[in-house]
Amino acid sequence: MADFQIIKGGKGVKVVASPVNAEGVTIPLPAGETLAWVSSDPTDAPITQDLTNDPSGLTGIGAAVGDAVGAVFTQTGTGTDGSVISDPAPPIDVVEDTKLGGFVFQESAQ
């Protein structure tokens, strides 16, 4: 299966993590969890928490800065007891936009 692709210089990608228990059942985010997003390629595909729109920290915004293949965004949660849970999202690629989108014209007198 191909990686999710975003266009270099474009809007980027929104990644939303959902907390689950050990059985994989969705649960509310436990109180006191400290969350952080990390990118495997922070130069070409950095990610930051979208705290403006999601104060929980479960949403990250990945930027499409440069060419990246297989960049992985990881969400890490640290509990009040110091326990750490870390899971990666599926990989993404940041690619050039090479799809024909129209034409630009230059006109000159002959």
PDB file of N, CA and C in Angstrom:
ATOM      1  N   MET A   1       0.844  -1.175   0.000  1.00  0.00           N
ATOM      2  CA  MET A   1       0.000   0.000   0.000  1.00  0.00           C
ATOM      3  C   MET A   1       0.891   1.241   0.000  1.00  0.00           C
ATOM      4  N   ALA A   2       0.567   2.208  -0.815  1.00  0.00           N
ATOM      5  CA  ALA A   2       1.358   3.436  -0.924  1.00  0.00           C
ATOM      6  C   ALA A   2       1.115   4.332   0.290  1.00  0.00           C
ATOM      7  N   ASP A   3       2.132   5.132   0.612  1.00  0.00           N
ATOM      8  CA  ASP A   3       2.010   6.103   1.692  1.00  0.00           C
ATOM      9  C   ASP A   3       1.031   7.199   1.290  1.00  0.00           C
ATOM     10  N   PHE A   4       0.399   7.820   2.256  1.00  0.00           N
ATOM     11  CA  PHE A   4      -0.431   8.997   2.037  1.00  0.00           C
ATOM     12  C   PHE A   4       0.488  10.093   1.512  1.00  0.00           C
ATOM     13  N   GLN A   5       0.089  10.785   0.459  1.00  0.00           N
ATOM     14  CA  GLN A   5       0.940  11.805  -0.151  1.00  0.00           C
ATOM     15  C   GLN A   5       0.341  13.193   0.004  1.00  0.00           C
ATOM     16  N   ILE A   6       1.213  14.152   0.355  1.00  0.00           N
ATOM     17  CA  ILE A   6       0.818  15.554   0.395  1.00  0.00           C
ATOM     18  C   ILE A   6       1.774  16.330  -0.502  1.00  0.00           C
ATOM     19  N   ILE A   7       1.305  17.469  -0.998  1.00  0.00           N
ATOM     20  CA  ILE A   7       2.066  18.263  -1.961  1.00  0.00           C
ATOM     21  C   ILE A   7       3.025  19.203  -1.231  1.00  0.00           C
ATOM     22  N   LYS A   8       4.285  19.180  -1.665  1.00  0.00           N
ATOM     23  CA  LYS A   8       5.293  20.065  -1.088  1.00  0.00           C
ATOM     24  C   LYS A   8       4.855  21.517  -1.276  1.00  0.00           C
ATOM     25  N   GLY A   9       4.934  22.302  -0.199  1.00  0.00           N
ATOM     26  CA  GLY A   9       4.523  23.693  -0.250  1.00  0.00           C
ATOM     27  C   GLY A   9       3.025  23.881  -0.116  1.00  0.00           C
ATOM     28  N   GLY A  10       2.287  22.779   0.036  1.00  0.00           N
ATOM     29  CA  GLY A  10       0.835  22.861   0.160  1.00  0.00           C
ATOM     30  C   GLY A  10       0.399  23.072   1.596  1.00  0.00           C
ATOM     31  N   LYS A  11      -0.832  22.736   1.869  1.00  0.00           N
ATOM     32  CA  LYS A  11      -1.403  22.983   3.190  1.00  0.00           C
ATOM     33  C   LYS A  11      -0.891  22.028   4.262  1.00  0.00           C
ATOM     34  N   GLY A  12      -0.340  20.908   3.886  1.00  0.00           N
ATOM     35  CA  GLY A  12       0.138  19.947   4.871  1.00  0.00           C
ATOM     36  C   GLY A  12      -0.906  18.892   5.176  1.00  0.00           C
ATOM     37  N   VAL A  13      -0.827  18.331   6.377  1.00  0.00           N
ATOM     38  CA  VAL A  13      -1.721  17.240   6.752  1.00  0.00           C
ATOM     39  C   VAL A  13      -2.134  17.400   8.211  1.00  0.00           C
ATOM     40  N   LYS A  14      -3.397  17.105   8.472  1.00  0.00           N
ATOM     41  CA  LYS A  14      -3.927  17.121   9.841  1.00  0.00           C
ATOM     42  C   LYS A  14      -3.966  15.675  10.328  1.00  0.00           C
ATOM     43  N   VAL A  15      -3.396  15.421  11.493  1.00  0.00           N
ATOM     44  CA  VAL A  15      -3.360  14.077  12.058  1.00  0.00           C
ATOM     45  C   VAL A  15      -4.059  14.127  13.415  1.00  0.00           C
ATOM     46  N   VAL A  16      -5.049  13.260  13.607  1.00  0.00           N
ATOM     47  CA  VAL A  16      -5.783  13.228  14.871  1.00  0.00           C
ATOM     48  C   VAL A  16      -5.597  11.857  15.501  1.00  0.00           C
ATOM     49  N   ALA A  17      -5.099  11.854  16.731  1.00  0.00           N
ATOM     50  CA  ALA A  17      -4.928  10.613  17.486  1.00  0.00           C
ATOM     51  C   ALA A  17      -6.141  10.414  18.385  1.00  0.00           C
ATOM     52  N   SER A  18      -6.573   9.174  18.520  1.00  0.00           N
ATOM     53  CA  SER A  18      -7.679   8.838  19.421  1.00  0.00           C
ATOM     54  C   SER A  18      -7.147   7.910  20.500  1.00  0.00           C
ATOM     55  N   PRO A  19      -7.322   8.250  21.775  1.00  0.00           N
ATOM     56  CA  PRO A  19      -6.844   7.372  22.839  1.00  0.00           C
ATOM     57  C   PRO A  19      -7.627   6.070  22.869  1.00  0.00           C
ATOM     58  N   VAL A  20      -6.916   4.979  23.084  1.00  0.00           N
ATOM     59  CA  VAL A  20      -7.543   3.657  23.206  1.00  0.00           C
ATOM     60  C   VAL A  20      -6.948   2.954  24.423  1.00  0.00           C
ATOM     61  N   ASN A  21      -7.683   1.987  24.946  1.00  0.00           N
ATOM     62  CA  ASN A  21      -7.159   1.182  26.048  1.00  0.00           C
ATOM     63  C   ASN A  21      -6.349   0.012  25.494  1.00  0.00           C
ATOM     64  N   ALA A  22      -5.897  -0.876  26.357  1.00  0.00           N
ATOM     65  CA  ALA A  22      -5.046  -1.997  25.945  1.00  0.00           C
ATOM     66  C   ALA A  22      -5.739  -2.930  24.951  1.00  0.00           C
ATOM     67  N   GLU A  23      -7.076  -2.943  24.955  1.00  0.00           N
ATOM     68  CA  GLU A  23      -7.836  -3.786  24.027  1.00  0.00           C
ATOM     69  C   GLU A  23      -8.147  -3.080  22.718  1.00  0.00           C
ATOM     70  N   GLY A  24      -7.728  -1.805  22.583  1.00  0.00           N
ATOM     71  CA  GLY A  24      -7.978  -1.057  21.359  1.00  0.00           C
ATOM     72  C   GLY A  24      -9.317  -0.353  21.321  1.00  0.00           C
ATOM     73  N   VAL A  25     -10.003  -0.279  22.463  1.00  0.00           N
ATOM     74  CA  VAL A  25     -11.292   0.382  22.549  1.00  0.00           C
ATOM     75  C   VAL A  25     -11.056   1.873  22.833  1.00  0.00           C
ATOM     76  N   THR A  26     -11.730   2.741  22.072  1.00  0.00           N
ATOM     77  CA  THR A  26     -11.580   4.181  22.257  1.00  0.00           C
ATOM     78  C   THR A  26     -12.064   4.587  23.648  1.00  0.00           C
ATOM     79  N   ILE A  27     -11.233   5.411  24.317  1.00  0.00           N
ATOM     80  CA  ILE A  27     -11.555   5.903  25.660  1.00  0.00           C
ATOM     81  C   ILE A  27     -11.310   7.411  25.704  1.00  0.00           C
ATOM     82  N   PRO A  28     -11.852   8.109  26.698  1.00  0.00           N
ATOM     83  CA  PRO A  28     -11.503   9.526  26.860  1.00  0.00           C
ATOM     84  C   PRO A  28     -10.029   9.648  27.238  1.00  0.00           C
ATOM     85  N   LEU A  29      -9.416  10.759  26.893  1.00  0.00           N
ATOM     86  CA  LEU A  29      -8.034  10.997  27.277  1.00  0.00           C
ATOM     87  C   LEU A  29      -7.954  11.101  28.800  1.00  0.00           C
ATOM     88  N   PRO A  30      -7.139  10.249  29.442  1.00  0.00           N
ATOM     89  CA  PRO A  30      -7.033  10.315  30.905  1.00  0.00           C
ATOM     90  C   PRO A  30      -6.524  11.680  31.366  1.00  0.00           C
ATOM     91  N   ALA A  31      -7.051  12.161  32.471  1.00  0.00           N
ATOM     92  CA  ALA A  31      -6.636  13.448  33.028  1.00  0.00           C
ATOM     93  C   ALA A  31      -5.154  13.419  33.371  1.00  0.00           C
ATOM     94  N   GLY A  32      -4.488  14.526  33.108  1.00  0.00           N
ATOM     95  CA  GLY A  32      -3.082  14.663  33.480  1.00  0.00           C
ATOM     96  C   GLY A  32      -2.084  14.146  32.463  1.00  0.00           C
ATOM     97  N   GLU A  33      -2.547  13.579  31.348  1.00  0.00           N
ATOM     98  CA  GLU A  33      -1.621  13.105  30.306  1.00  0.00           C
ATOM     99  C   GLU A  33      -0.912  14.293  29.671  1.00  0.00           C
ATOM    100  N   THR A  34       0.384  14.171  29.457  1.00  0.00           N
ATOM    101  CA  THR A  34       1.152  15.179  28.744  1.00  0.00           C
ATOM    102  C   THR A  34       1.432  14.611  27.354  1.00  0.00           C
ATOM    103  N   LEU A  35       0.974  15.310  26.309  1.00  0.00           N
ATOM    104  CA  LEU A  35       1.085  14.795  24.943  1.00  0.00           C
ATOM    105  C   LEU A  35       2.128  15.564  24.145  1.00  0.00           C
ATOM    106  N   ALA A  36       2.748  14.862  23.210  1.00  0.00           N
ATOM    107  CA  ALA A  36       3.730  15.490  22.315  1.00  0.00           C
ATOM    108  C   ALA A  36       3.698  14.775  20.972  1.00  0.00           C
ATOM    109  N   TRP A  37       3.871  15.552  19.903  1.00  0.00           N
ATOM    110  CA  TRP A  37       4.011  15.009  18.544  1.00  0.00           C
ATOM    111  C   TRP A  37       5.473  15.114  18.135  1.00  0.00           C
ATOM    112  N   VAL A  38       5.978  14.093  17.435  1.00  0.00           N
ATOM    113  CA  VAL A  38       7.349  14.089  16.928  1.00  0.00           C
ATOM    114  C   VAL A  38       7.311  13.577  15.489  1.00  0.00           C
ATOM    115  N   SER A  39       8.139  14.157  14.622  1.00  0.00           N
ATOM    116  CA  SER A  39       8.250  13.707  13.233  1.00  0.00           C
ATOM    117  C   SER A  39       9.572  12.982  13.042  1.00  0.00           C
ATOM    118  N   SER A  40       9.548  11.925  12.237  1.00  0.00           N
ATOM    119  CA  SER A  40      10.796  11.224  11.900  1.00  0.00           C
ATOM    120  C   SER A  40      11.650  12.061  10.948  1.00  0.00           C
ATOM    121  N   ASP A  41      11.049  13.087  10.326  1.00  0.00           N
ATOM    122  CA  ASP A  41      11.767  13.990   9.419  1.00  0.00           C
ATOM    123  C   ASP A  41      11.379  15.434   9.762  1.00  0.00           C
ATOM    124  N   PRO A  42      11.912  15.965  10.869  1.00  0.00           N
ATOM    125  CA  PRO A  42      11.498  17.300  11.313  1.00  0.00           C
ATOM    126  C   PRO A  42      11.926  18.432  10.386  1.00  0.00           C
ATOM    127  N   THR A  43      12.843  18.173   9.463  1.00  0.00           N
ATOM    128  CA  THR A  43      13.273  19.207   8.520  1.00  0.00           C
ATOM    129  C   THR A  43      12.288  19.354   7.372  1.00  0.00           C
ATOM    130  N   ASP A  44      11.918  18.250   6.734  1.00  0.00           N
ATOM    131  CA  ASP A  44      11.056  18.294   5.552  1.00  0.00           C
ATOM    132  C   ASP A  44       9.576  18.065   5.852  1.00  0.00           C
ATOM    133  N   ALA A  45       9.264  17.450   6.979  1.00  0.00           N
ATOM    134  CA  ALA A  45       7.867  17.178   7.351  1.00  0.00           C
ATOM    135  C   ALA A  45       7.690  17.378   8.859  1.00  0.00           C
ATOM    136  N   PRO A  46       7.866  18.620   9.343  1.00  0.00           N
ATOM    137  CA  PRO A  46       7.700  18.863  10.778  1.00  0.00           C
ATOM    138  C   PRO A  46       6.234  18.781  11.196  1.00  0.00           C
ATOM    139  N   ILE A  47       6.006  18.531  12.470  1.00  0.00           N
ATOM    140  CA  ILE A  47       4.635  18.489  12.994  1.00  0.00           C
ATOM    141  C   ILE A  47       4.578  19.265  14.307  1.00  0.00           C
ATOM    142  N   THR A  48       3.455  19.957  14.510  1.00  0.00           N
ATOM    143  CA  THR A  48       3.220  20.684  15.753  1.00  0.00           C
ATOM    144  C   THR A  48       1.815  20.378  16.244  1.00  0.00           C
ATOM    145  N   GLN A  49       1.611  20.519  17.543  1.00  0.00           N
ATOM    146  CA  GLN A  49       0.277  20.342  18.100  1.00  0.00           C
ATOM    147  C   GLN A  49      -0.614  21.488  17.643  1.00  0.00           C
ATOM    148  N   ASP A  50      -1.862  21.177  17.326  1.00  0.00           N
ATOM    149  CA  ASP A  50      -2.844  22.195  16.942  1.00  0.00           C
ATOM    150  C   ASP A  50      -3.639  22.595  18.183  1.00  0.00           C
ATOM    151  N   LEU A  51      -2.963  23.246  19.129  1.00  0.00           N
ATOM    152  CA  LEU A  51      -3.597  23.590  20.401  1.00  0.00           C
ATOM    153  C   LEU A  51      -4.667  24.656  20.253  1.00  0.00           C
ATOM    154  N   THR A  52      -4.616  25.443  19.169  1.00  0.00           N
ATOM    155  CA  THR A  52      -5.639  26.465  18.940  1.00  0.00           C
ATOM    156  C   THR A  52      -7.001  25.817  18.715  1.00  0.00           C
ATOM    157  N   ASN A  53      -7.029  24.776  17.899  1.00  0.00           N
ATOM    158  CA  ASN A  53      -8.298  24.113  17.561  1.00  0.00           C
ATOM    159  C   ASN A  53      -8.585  22.881  18.402  1.00  0.00           C
ATOM    160  N   ASP A  54      -7.567  22.351  19.082  1.00  0.00           N
ATOM    161  CA  ASP A  54      -7.741  21.153  19.900  1.00  0.00           C
ATOM    162  C   ASP A  54      -6.814  21.249  21.111  1.00  0.00           C
ATOM    163  N   PRO A  55      -7.273  21.869  22.200  1.00  0.00           N
ATOM    164  CA  PRO A  55      -6.424  22.059  23.366  1.00  0.00           C
ATOM    165  C   PRO A  55      -5.943  20.761  24.020  1.00  0.00           C
ATOM    166  N   SER A  56      -6.549  19.618  23.659  1.00  0.00           N
ATOM    167  CA  SER A  56      -6.132  18.342  24.246  1.00  0.00           C
ATOM    168  C   SER A  56      -4.738  17.931  23.779  1.00  0.00           C
ATOM    169  N   GLY A  57      -4.316  18.420  22.609  1.00  0.00           N
ATOM    170  CA  GLY A  57      -3.024  18.008  22.060  1.00  0.00           C
ATOM    171  C   GLY A  57      -3.097  16.769  21.188  1.00  0.00           C
ATOM    172  N   LEU A  58      -4.301  16.231  20.993  1.00  0.00           N
ATOM    173  CA  LEU A  58      -4.456  15.018  20.182  1.00  0.00           C
ATOM    174  C   LEU A  58      -4.364  15.292  18.680  1.00  0.00           C
ATOM    175  N   THR A  59      -4.446  16.557  18.276  1.00  0.00           N
ATOM    176  CA  THR A  59      -4.377  16.905  16.863  1.00  0.00           C
ATOM    177  C   THR A  59      -3.034  17.532  16.549  1.00  0.00           C
ATOM    178  N   GLY A  60      -2.414  17.037  15.479  1.00  0.00           N
ATOM    179  CA  GLY A  60      -1.153  17.598  15.017  1.00  0.00           C
ATOM    180  C   GLY A  60      -1.303  18.098  13.592  1.00  0.00           C
ATOM    181  N   ILE A  61      -0.542  19.129  13.248  1.00  0.00           N
ATOM    182  CA  ILE A  61      -0.514  19.646  11.881  1.00  0.00           C
ATOM    183  C   ILE A  61       0.889  19.430  11.334  1.00  0.00           C
ATOM    184  N   GLY A  62       0.971  18.604  10.294  1.00  0.00           N
ATOM    185  CA  GLY A  62       2.245  18.329   9.637  1.00  0.00           C
ATOM    186  C   GLY A  62       2.417  19.253   8.448  1.00  0.00           C
ATOM    187  N   ALA A  63       3.563  19.897   8.363  1.00  0.00           N
ATOM    188  CA  ALA A  63       3.843  20.818   7.265  1.00  0.00           C
ATOM    189  C   ALA A  63       4.536  20.090   6.120  1.00  0.00           C
ATOM    190  N   ALA A  64       4.325  20.580   4.907  1.00  0.00           N
ATOM    191  CA  ALA A  64       4.925  19.996   3.703  1.00  0.00           C
ATOM    192  C   ALA A  64       6.043  20.916   3.231  1.00  0.00           C
ATOM    193  N   VAL A  65       7.185  20.868   3.900  1.00  0.00           N
ATOM    194  CA  VAL A  65       8.272  21.806   3.651  1.00  0.00           C
ATOM    195  C   VAL A  65       9.190  21.350   2.525  1.00  0.00           C
ATOM    196  N   GLY A  66       9.604  20.100   2.531  1.00  0.00           N
ATOM    197  CA  GLY A  66      10.539  19.592   1.530  1.00  0.00           C
ATOM    198  C   GLY A  66      10.194  18.175   1.138  1.00  0.00           C
ATOM    199  N   ASP A  67      11.024  17.575   0.296  1.00  0.00           N
ATOM    200  CA  ASP A  67      10.791  16.201  -0.148  1.00  0.00           C
ATOM    201  C   ASP A  67      10.998  15.244   1.019  1.00  0.00           C
ATOM    202  N   ALA A  68      10.003  14.422   1.295  1.00  0.00           N
ATOM    203  CA  ALA A  68      10.094  13.437   2.362  1.00  0.00           C
ATOM    204  C   ALA A  68       9.425  12.157   1.897  1.00  0.00           C
ATOM    205  N   VAL A  69      10.050  11.043   2.178  1.00  0.00           N
ATOM    206  CA  VAL A  69       9.483   9.739   1.833  1.00  0.00           C
ATOM    207  C   VAL A  69       9.391   8.913   3.110  1.00  0.00           C
ATOM    208  N   GLY A  70       8.186   8.481   3.419  1.00  0.00           N
ATOM    209  CA  GLY A  70       7.989   7.629   4.583  1.00  0.00           C
ATOM    210  C   GLY A  70       8.116   8.349   5.916  1.00  0.00           C
ATOM    211  N   ALA A  71       7.838   9.650   5.948  1.00  0.00           N
ATOM    212  CA  ALA A  71       7.896  10.378   7.222  1.00  0.00           C
ATOM    213  C   ALA A  71       6.806   9.849   8.149  1.00  0.00           C
ATOM    214  N   VAL A  72       7.144   9.677   9.404  1.00  0.00           N
ATOM    215  CA  VAL A  72       6.209   9.127  10.379  1.00  0.00           C
ATOM    216  C   VAL A  72       6.018  10.130  11.513  1.00  0.00           C
ATOM    217  N   PHE A  73       4.748  10.421  11.817  1.00  0.00           N
ATOM    218  CA  PHE A  73       4.409  11.272  12.947  1.00  0.00           C
ATOM    219  C   PHE A  73       4.051  10.359  14.116  1.00  0.00           C
ATOM    220  N   THR A  74       4.651  10.618  15.265  1.00  0.00           N
ATOM    221  CA  THR A  74       4.417   9.794  16.446  1.00  0.00           C
ATOM    222  C   THR A  74       3.806  10.634  17.549  1.00  0.00           C
ATOM    223  N   GLN A  75       2.755  10.112  18.169  1.00  0.00           N
ATOM    224  CA  GLN A  75       2.108  10.747  19.318  1.00  0.00           C
ATOM    225  C   GLN A  75       2.595  10.035  20.568  1.00  0.00           C
ATOM    226  N   THR A  76       3.079  10.797  21.530  1.00  0.00           N
ATOM    227  CA  THR A  76       3.552  10.241  22.791  1.00  0.00           C
ATOM    228  C   THR A  76       2.760  10.842  23.932  1.00  0.00           C
ATOM    229  N   GLY A  77       2.328   9.997  24.837  1.00  0.00           N
ATOM    230  CA  GLY A  77       1.620  10.446  26.026  1.00  0.00           C
ATOM    231  C   GLY A  77       2.377  10.002  27.266  1.00  0.00           C
ATOM    232  N   THR A  78       2.551  10.923  28.202  1.00  0.00           N
ATOM    233  CA  THR A  78       3.197  10.602  29.476  1.00  0.00           C
ATOM    234  C   THR A  78       2.163  10.779  30.576  1.00  0.00           C
ATOM    235  N   GLY A  79       1.927   9.704  31.302  1.00  0.00           N
ATOM    236  CA  GLY A  79       0.925   9.727  32.364  1.00  0.00           C
ATOM    237  C   GLY A  79       1.433  10.376  33.633  1.00  0.00           C
ATOM    238  N   THR A  80       0.521  10.632  34.555  1.00  0.00           N
ATOM    239  CA  THR A  80       0.888  11.254  35.825  1.00  0.00           C
ATOM    240  C   THR A  80       1.806  10.347  36.644  1.00  0.00           C
ATOM    241  N   ASP A  81       1.786   9.042  36.374  1.00  0.00           N
ATOM    242  CA  ASP A  81       2.668   8.106  37.072  1.00  0.00           C
ATOM    243  C   ASP A  81       4.014   7.936  36.369  1.00  0.00           C
ATOM    244  N   GLY A  82       4.238   8.703  35.279  1.00  0.00           N
ATOM    245  CA  GLY A  82       5.501   8.624  34.543  1.00  0.00           C
ATOM    246  C   GLY A  82       5.507   7.597  33.431  1.00  0.00           C
ATOM    247  N   SER A  83       4.437   6.818  33.294  1.00  0.00           N
ATOM    248  CA  SER A  83       4.381   5.825  32.218  1.00  0.00           C
ATOM    249  C   SER A  83       4.286   6.539  30.866  1.00  0.00           C
ATOM    250  N   VAL A  84       4.927   5.939  29.851  1.00  0.00           N
ATOM    251  CA  VAL A  84       4.968   6.546  28.523  1.00  0.00           C
ATOM    252  C   VAL A  84       4.366   5.593  27.501  1.00  0.00           C
ATOM    253  N   ILE A  85       3.451   6.115  26.706  1.00  0.00           N
ATOM    254  CA  ILE A  85       2.858   5.376  25.596  1.00  0.00           C
ATOM    255  C   ILE A  85       3.194   6.153  24.326  1.00  0.00           C
ATOM    256  N   SER A  86       3.690   5.457  23.316  1.00  0.00           N
ATOM    257  CA  SER A  86       4.081   6.121  22.074  1.00  0.00           C
ATOM    258  C   SER A  86       3.666   5.265  20.887  1.00  0.00           C
ATOM    259  N   ASP A  87       2.913   5.870  19.979  1.00  0.00           N
ATOM    260  CA  ASP A  87       2.447   5.140  18.794  1.00  0.00           C
ATOM    261  C   ASP A  87       2.646   5.979  17.540  1.00  0.00           C
ATOM    262  N   PRO A  88       3.103   5.324  16.443  1.00  0.00           N
ATOM    263  CA  PRO A  88       3.289   6.040  15.173  1.00  0.00           C
ATOM    264  C   PRO A  88       2.027   6.019  14.318  1.00  0.00           C
ATOM    265  N   ALA A  89       1.818   7.115  13.583  1.00  0.00           N
ATOM    266  CA  ALA A  89       0.764   7.165  12.570  1.00  0.00           C
ATOM    267  C   ALA A  89       1.316   6.515  11.299  1.00  0.00           C
ATOM    268  N   PRO A  90       0.465   6.154  10.346  1.00  0.00           N
ATOM    269  CA  PRO A  90       0.973   5.621   9.076  1.00  0.00           C
ATOM    270  C   PRO A  90       1.875   6.648   8.384  1.00  0.00           C
ATOM    271  N   PRO A  91       2.861   6.188   7.608  1.00  0.00           N
ATOM    272  CA  PRO A  91       3.814   7.114   6.962  1.00  0.00           C
ATOM    273  C   PRO A  91       3.171   7.980   5.880  1.00  0.00           C
ATOM    274  N   ILE A  92       3.815   9.140   5.655  1.00  0.00           N
ATOM    275  CA  ILE A  92       3.391  10.043   4.586  1.00  0.00           C
ATOM    276  C   ILE A  92       4.584  10.350   3.694  1.00  0.00           C
ATOM    277  N   ASP A  93       4.300  10.786   2.491  1.00  0.00           N
ATOM    278  CA  ASP A  93       5.317  11.288   1.567  1.00  0.00           C
ATOM    279  C   ASP A  93       4.972  12.733   1.232  1.00  0.00           C
ATOM    280  N   VAL A  94       5.993  13.584   1.178  1.00  0.00           N
ATOM    281  CA  VAL A  94       5.822  14.951   0.696  1.00  0.00           C
ATOM    282  C   VAL A  94       6.408  14.970  -0.708  1.00  0.00           C
ATOM    283  N   VAL A  95       5.571  15.285  -1.698  1.00  0.00           N
ATOM    284  CA  VAL A  95       5.982  15.171  -3.099  1.00  0.00           C
ATOM    285  C   VAL A  95       5.766  16.475  -3.858  1.00  0.00           C
ATOM    286  N   GLU A  96       6.465  16.609  -4.978  1.00  0.00           N
ATOM    287  CA  GLU A  96       6.280  17.749  -5.886  1.00  0.00           C
ATOM    288  C   GLU A  96       4.931  17.627  -6.578  1.00  0.00           C
ATOM    289  N   ASP A  97       4.317  18.755  -6.862  1.00  0.00           N
ATOM    290  CA  ASP A  97       3.068  18.781  -7.616  1.00  0.00           C
ATOM    291  C   ASP A  97       3.423  18.775  -9.102  1.00  0.00           C
ATOM    292  N   THR A  98       3.332  17.610  -9.743  1.00  0.00           N
ATOM    293  CA  THR A  98       3.673  17.495 -11.164  1.00  0.00           C
ATOM    294  C   THR A  98       2.438  17.255 -12.029  1.00  0.00           C
ATOM    295  N   LYS A  99       1.253  17.334 -11.432  1.00  0.00           N
ATOM    296  CA  LYS A  99       0.017  17.128 -12.174  1.00  0.00           C
ATOM    297  C   LYS A  99      -0.343  18.402 -12.933  1.00  0.00           C
ATOM    298  N   LEU A 100      -0.695  18.257 -14.193  1.00  0.00           N
ATOM    299  CA  LEU A 100      -1.098  19.404 -14.996  1.00  0.00           C
ATOM    300  C   LEU A 100      -2.340  20.041 -14.401  1.00  0.00           C
ATOM    301  N   GLY A 101      -2.241  21.330 -14.130  1.00  0.00           N
ATOM    302  CA  GLY A 101      -3.360  22.037 -13.526  1.00  0.00           C
ATOM    303  C   GLY A 101      -3.929  23.131 -14.411  1.00  0.00           C
ATOM    304  N   GLY A 102      -3.366  23.308 -15.599  1.00  0.00           N
ATOM    305  CA  GLY A 102      -3.845  24.358 -16.497  1.00  0.00           C
ATOM    306  C   GLY A 102      -2.681  24.907 -17.302  1.00  0.00           C
ATOM    307  N   PHE A 103      -2.848  26.104 -17.821  1.00  0.00           N
ATOM    308  CA  PHE A 103      -1.820  26.730 -18.658  1.00  0.00           C
ATOM    309  C   PHE A 103      -1.662  28.188 -18.267  1.00  0.00           C
ATOM    310  N   VAL A 104      -0.472  28.704 -18.462  1.00  0.00           N
ATOM    311  CA  VAL A 104      -0.168  30.123 -18.315  1.00  0.00           C
ATOM    312  C   VAL A 104       0.237  30.607 -19.699  1.00  0.00           C
ATOM    313  N   PHE A 105      -0.247  31.774 -20.119  1.00  0.00           N
ATOM    314  CA  PHE A 105       0.006  32.252 -21.481  1.00  0.00           C
ATOM    315  C   PHE A 105       0.894  33.485 -21.480  1.00  0.00           C
ATOM    316  N   GLN A 106       1.714  33.552 -22.494  1.00  0.00           N
ATOM    317  CA  GLN A 106       2.474  34.758 -22.808  1.00  0.00           C
ATOM    318  C   GLN A 106       2.097  35.173 -24.229  1.00  0.00           C
ATOM    319  N   GLU A 107       1.767  36.414 -24.396  1.00  0.00           N
ATOM    320  CA  GLU A 107       1.394  36.913 -25.725  1.00  0.00           C
ATOM    321  C   GLU A 107       2.381  37.995 -26.131  1.00  0.00           C
ATOM    322  N   SER A 108       2.686  38.001 -27.426  1.00  0.00           N
ATOM    323  CA  SER A 108       3.601  39.041 -27.942  1.00  0.00           C
ATOM    324  C   SER A 108       3.213  39.350 -29.391  1.00  0.00           C
ATOM    325  N   ALA A 109       3.547  40.570 -29.819  1.00  0.00           N
ATOM    326  CA  ALA A 109       3.261  40.973 -31.195  1.00  0.00           C
ATOM    327  C   ALA A 109       4.235  40.272 -32.131  1.00  0.00           C
ATOM    328  N   GLN A 110       3.796  39.967 -33.345  1.00  0.00           N
ATOM    329  CA  GLN A 110       4.637  39.325 -34.342  1.00  0.00           C
ATOM    330  C   GLN A 110       5.076  40.317 -35.380  1.00  0.00           C
TER     331      GLN A 110
END
